[in-house]
Amino acid sequence: VILVGHSCGGACIAYALELYPKKISKAVFLSATMLSNGQRPFDVFAEE
């Protein structure tokens, strides 16, 4: 499986990579949100 994500879709791709690392062969982030290790997809939108 190859995943391509743009904008907020990058957070979803990163989460999918954590859940299914053996099923995803490539991930392409196009101007996308990137997550840090251990960060959940909607943490990037949470208020500090």
C-alpha atoms as a PDB file:
ATOM      1  CA  VAL A   1       0.000   0.000   0.000  1.00  0.00           C
ATOM      2  CA  ILE A   2       1.209   3.502  -0.850  1.00  0.00           C
ATOM      3  CA  LEU A   3      -0.389   6.348   1.098  1.00  0.00           C
ATOM      4  CA  VAL A   4      -0.394   9.947  -0.108  1.00  0.00           C
ATOM      5  CA  GLY A   5      -1.508  12.754   2.177  1.00  0.00           C
ATOM      6  CA  HIS A   6      -1.829  16.504   1.840  1.00  0.00           C
ATOM      7  CA  SER A   7      -2.303  19.063   4.609  1.00  0.00           C
ATOM      8  CA  CYS A   8      -4.016  17.428   7.621  1.00  0.00           C
ATOM      9  CA  GLY A   9      -3.896  14.097   5.794  1.00  0.00           C
ATOM     10  CA  GLY A  10      -0.255  13.859   6.827  1.00  0.00           C
ATOM     11  CA  ALA A  11      -1.308  13.336  10.442  1.00  0.00           C
ATOM     12  CA  CYS A  12      -3.554  10.461   9.381  1.00  0.00           C
ATOM     13  CA  ILE A  13      -0.786   8.845   7.334  1.00  0.00           C
ATOM     14  CA  ALA A  14       1.614   9.027  10.265  1.00  0.00           C
ATOM     15  CA  TYR A  15      -0.971   7.377  12.516  1.00  0.00           C
ATOM     16  CA  ALA A  16      -1.643   4.636   9.940  1.00  0.00           C
ATOM     17  CA  LEU A  17       2.111   3.989   9.707  1.00  0.00           C
ATOM     18  CA  GLU A  18       2.188   3.375  13.466  1.00  0.00           C
ATOM     19  CA  LEU A  19      -0.806   1.028  13.331  1.00  0.00           C
ATOM     20  CA  TYR A  20       0.088  -0.929  10.170  1.00  0.00           C
ATOM     21  CA  PRO A  21       3.844  -0.621   9.527  1.00  0.00           C
ATOM     22  CA  LYS A  22       4.121  -3.939   7.657  1.00  0.00           C
ATOM     23  CA  LYS A  23       1.200  -3.205   5.321  1.00  0.00           C
ATOM     24  CA  ILE A  24       2.359   0.229   4.108  1.00  0.00           C
ATOM     25  CA  SER A  25       5.293   0.216   1.704  1.00  0.00           C
ATOM     26  CA  LYS A  26       5.532   3.982   1.111  1.00  0.00           C
ATOM     27  CA  ALA A  27       4.107   7.205   2.489  1.00  0.00           C
ATOM     28  CA  VAL A  28       4.174  10.486   0.587  1.00  0.00           C
ATOM     29  CA  PHE A  29       3.636  13.741   2.496  1.00  0.00           C
ATOM     30  CA  LEU A  30       2.695  16.692   0.236  1.00  0.00           C
ATOM     31  CA  SER A  31       2.781  19.957   2.193  1.00  0.00           C
ATOM     32  CA  ALA A  32       1.472  17.857   5.031  1.00  0.00           C
ATOM     33  CA  THR A  33       1.367  17.922   8.807  1.00  0.00           C
ATOM     34  CA  MET A  34       4.088  15.762  10.333  1.00  0.00           C
ATOM     35  CA  LEU A  35       3.750  14.110  13.743  1.00  0.00           C
ATOM     36  CA  SER A  36       6.505  13.574  16.272  1.00  0.00           C
ATOM     37  CA  ASN A  37       7.051  10.126  17.786  1.00  0.00           C
ATOM     38  CA  GLY A  38       4.222   9.316  20.170  1.00  0.00           C
ATOM     39  CA  GLN A  39       2.115  12.282  19.059  1.00  0.00           C
ATOM     40  CA  ARG A  40      -1.510  11.540  18.144  1.00  0.00           C
ATOM     41  CA  PRO A  41      -3.077  12.961  14.962  1.00  0.00           C
ATOM     42  CA  PHE A  42      -5.217  15.580  16.669  1.00  0.00           C
ATOM     43  CA  ASP A  43      -2.531  16.652  19.156  1.00  0.00           C
ATOM     44  CA  VAL A  44      -1.264  19.058  16.490  1.00  0.00           C
ATOM     45  CA  PHE A  45      -4.557  20.958  16.723  1.00  0.00           C
ATOM     46  CA  ALA A  46      -4.863  20.967  20.534  1.00  0.00           C
ATOM     47  CA  GLU A  47      -4.394  24.177  22.464  1.00  0.00           C
ATOM     48  CA  GLU A  48      -1.324  24.355  24.672  1.00  0.00           C
END
